[in-house]
Protein backbone atom coordinates (compact mmCIF):
# COMPACT_ATOMS: atom_id res chain seq x y z
CA UNK A 1 -41.65 57.88 138.15
CA UNK A 2 -43.65 60.62 140.18
CA UNK A 3 -46.73 59.61 142.01
CA UNK A 4 -49.56 61.44 142.63
CA UNK A 5 -52.10 62.55 145.78
CA UNK A 6 -55.52 63.88 146.17
CA UNK A 7 -56.71 66.52 149.29
CA UNK A 8 -59.39 68.12 150.05
CA UNK A 9 -57.81 71.75 150.56
CA UNK A 10 -59.19 74.07 152.75
CA UNK A 11 -62.80 74.97 150.83
CA UNK A 12 -65.07 73.15 150.79
CA UNK A 13 -64.93 70.21 147.44
CA UNK A 14 -61.82 72.23 146.13
CA UNK A 15 -59.39 69.57 145.70
CA UNK A 16 -55.58 69.85 145.63
CA UNK A 17 -53.75 67.39 143.45
CA UNK A 18 -49.64 67.38 145.00
CA UNK A 19 -46.89 65.41 143.20
CA UNK A 20 -44.02 63.92 144.77
CA UNK A 21 -41.08 62.03 143.06
CA UNK A 22 -40.45 59.00 144.10
CA UNK A 23 -37.09 58.69 142.99
CA UNK A 24 -35.45 61.30 145.67
CA UNK A 25 -31.81 62.83 145.23
CA UNK A 26 -29.73 61.82 147.52
CA UNK A 27 -30.03 63.57 150.89
CA UNK A 28 -26.12 64.31 150.84
CA UNK A 29 -26.96 65.40 147.07
CA UNK A 30 -26.70 69.54 147.52
CA UNK A 31 -29.93 69.71 145.50
CA UNK A 32 -32.28 67.77 147.70
CA UNK A 33 -35.22 68.98 148.47
CA UNK A 34 -37.38 66.73 150.91
CA UNK A 35 -40.98 65.95 150.44
CA UNK A 36 -41.28 68.63 153.65
CA UNK A 37 -39.97 71.65 151.82
CA UNK A 38 -41.73 71.43 148.53
CA UNK A 39 -45.43 70.73 150.34
CA UNK A 40 -43.73 73.69 152.79
CA UNK A 41 -43.23 75.54 149.23
CA UNK A 42 -46.70 74.36 147.80
CA UNK A 43 -48.67 75.59 151.08
CA UNK A 44 -47.24 78.84 150.98
CA UNK A 45 -47.29 79.93 147.22
CA UNK A 46 -51.44 78.64 147.26
CA UNK A 47 -52.13 80.49 150.26
CA UNK A 48 -50.51 83.92 148.30
CA UNK A 49 -52.45 82.97 145.55
CA UNK A 50 -55.84 83.09 147.99
CA UNK A 51 -54.14 85.68 149.85
CA UNK A 52 -53.13 88.58 147.20
CA UNK A 53 -56.32 87.38 145.08
CA UNK A 54 -54.02 85.56 142.01
CA UNK A 55 -56.28 83.31 140.93
CA UNK A 56 -58.22 84.10 138.19
CA UNK A 57 -61.72 82.21 138.87
CA UNK A 58 -61.59 83.82 142.77
CA UNK A 59 -61.78 87.40 141.62
CA UNK A 60 -65.04 88.55 140.61
CA UNK A 61 -65.33 92.07 140.01
CA UNK A 62 -61.71 92.35 138.87
CA UNK A 63 -59.57 92.60 135.60
CA UNK A 64 -59.30 88.78 135.61
CA UNK A 65 -63.45 88.44 135.74
CA UNK A 66 -65.19 86.30 133.08
CA UNK A 67 -61.12 85.02 131.73
CA UNK A 68 -60.85 81.68 131.31
CA UNK A 69 -56.88 81.29 133.44
CA UNK A 70 -55.30 80.59 130.25
CA UNK A 71 -56.40 83.69 128.67
CA UNK A 72 -54.87 86.08 131.13
CA UNK A 73 -50.80 84.74 130.32
CA UNK A 74 -52.22 84.88 126.78
CA UNK A 75 -53.06 88.00 126.82
CA UNK A 76 -50.15 89.68 128.96
CA UNK A 77 -48.20 88.68 126.85
CA UNK A 78 -48.84 89.40 123.16
CA UNK A 79 -49.39 92.44 124.76
CA UNK A 80 -45.68 93.82 123.41
CA UNK A 81 -44.91 94.98 119.99
CA UNK A 82 -43.48 91.40 118.32
CA UNK A 83 -45.93 90.30 115.70
CA UNK A 84 -47.12 87.00 116.82
CA UNK A 85 -49.10 83.89 115.19
CA UNK A 86 -50.62 81.01 116.70
CA UNK A 87 -47.85 78.88 116.89
CA UNK A 88 -44.97 81.33 118.72
CA UNK A 89 -47.30 82.03 121.28
CA UNK A 90 -48.10 78.36 121.59
CA UNK A 91 -44.11 78.08 121.63
CA UNK A 92 -43.83 80.82 124.00
CA UNK A 93 -46.53 80.28 126.42
CA UNK A 94 -45.47 76.09 126.35
CA UNK A 95 -49.82 74.79 125.57
CA UNK A 96 -50.20 73.07 122.70
CA UNK A 97 -51.19 75.09 119.78
CA UNK A 98 -55.60 73.51 119.96
CA UNK A 99 -55.67 75.04 123.47
CA UNK A 100 -53.93 78.74 121.64
CA UNK A 101 -56.51 78.56 119.41
CA UNK A 102 -59.79 78.11 121.61
CA UNK A 103 -58.57 80.81 123.96
CA UNK A 104 -58.63 83.14 120.10
CA UNK A 105 -61.59 81.60 119.56
CA UNK A 106 -62.59 83.48 123.63
CA UNK A 107 -60.78 86.23 122.68
CA UNK A 108 -61.72 87.12 120.44
CA UNK A 109 -65.39 86.88 120.50
CA UNK A 110 -65.15 89.14 123.02
CA UNK A 111 -63.09 91.84 121.34
CA UNK A 112 -60.20 91.44 123.01
CA UNK A 113 -57.67 90.10 119.89
CA UNK A 114 -57.55 90.22 116.06
CA UNK A 115 -56.36 87.14 113.67
CA UNK A 116 -55.73 88.10 110.17
CA UNK A 117 -54.20 87.20 107.37
CA UNK A 118 -50.61 88.71 106.70
CA UNK A 119 -50.11 90.84 104.11
CA UNK A 120 -47.13 89.04 101.31
CA UNK A 121 -47.64 85.41 102.74
CA UNK A 122 -51.33 84.64 103.65
CA UNK A 123 -50.75 81.37 104.37
CA UNK A 124 -49.08 83.40 108.40
CA UNK A 125 -52.59 84.47 110.85
CA UNK A 126 -50.98 87.49 112.70
CA UNK A 127 -52.45 87.71 116.78
CA UNK A 128 -52.75 91.10 118.22
CA UNK A 129 -54.54 93.00 120.77
CA UNK A 130 -57.50 95.11 119.48
CA UNK A 131 -57.53 98.45 121.81
CA UNK A 132 -60.05 96.96 123.76
CA UNK A 133 -57.31 93.93 125.21
CA UNK A 134 -54.56 96.87 125.15
CA UNK A 135 -56.80 98.50 127.84
CA UNK A 136 -57.77 95.08 129.46
CA UNK A 137 -53.74 93.96 129.89
CA UNK A 138 -52.63 97.69 131.43
CA UNK A 139 -55.29 96.89 133.61
CA UNK A 140 -54.14 93.35 134.63
CA UNK A 141 -50.14 93.99 134.91
CA UNK A 142 -51.34 96.93 137.28
CA UNK A 143 -52.96 94.82 139.83
CA UNK A 144 -50.50 92.50 139.37
CA UNK A 145 -47.99 95.04 139.78
CA UNK A 146 -49.70 96.50 142.72
CA UNK A 147 -49.77 92.94 144.65
CA UNK A 148 -46.24 92.74 144.27
CA UNK A 149 -45.67 95.49 145.33
CA UNK A 150 -48.03 95.20 148.21
CA UNK A 151 -46.48 91.36 148.75
CA UNK A 152 -42.61 93.09 149.34
CA UNK A 153 -44.08 95.62 151.92
CA UNK A 154 -44.33 93.72 154.01
CA UNK A 155 -40.46 92.67 153.71
CA UNK A 156 -37.56 94.61 155.41
CA UNK A 157 -34.80 95.47 152.05
CA UNK A 158 -32.65 93.16 152.19
CA UNK A 159 -35.16 89.96 152.56
CA UNK A 160 -36.87 91.75 149.34
CA UNK A 161 -33.65 91.68 147.34
CA UNK A 162 -33.44 88.20 148.27
CA UNK A 163 -37.21 87.38 147.36
CA UNK A 164 -37.07 88.95 144.00
CA UNK A 165 -33.39 87.41 143.49
CA UNK A 166 -34.42 83.97 144.28
CA UNK A 167 -37.69 83.52 142.27
CA UNK A 168 -35.71 85.51 139.26
CA UNK A 169 -33.39 82.31 139.48
CA UNK A 170 -36.61 79.79 139.45
CA UNK A 171 -37.78 81.48 137.03
CA UNK A 172 -35.14 81.08 134.83
CA UNK A 173 -34.25 77.61 135.53
């Protein structure tokens, strides 16, 4: 069971939702995470997002400008040579097909993606980046890498390696 509470954030009118599990593991369990730890991590991540301008909605003049928050992840996912369709993108991002379709509509109108029927099976619609889309994704990825470089530069070599290891461990579940 999960409970939620709403707090006002550091900026006027900004709301942050905090989700706290009401069924917790025992403190004797090695995987016990206290509310204090979870809230500290939440605050740390929120601060990182603000300090390094990682939230697309607050980055005017950046590659993220005028993009919906969902669009950035979608563009980055489809940048590779793989063959993408709406269902595969939705599965990759863990998002509903309707959300992906709406994002593709926005990106297609901006000339960043194209949709085309697959020869031999017209039921399948392939999604790919346009040259403009590739340029934008390269710019976004370049900025992301530089932000990561800036974050890591604040740590010593051992701490860098430990942070990278821990983030990878969390990311892989």
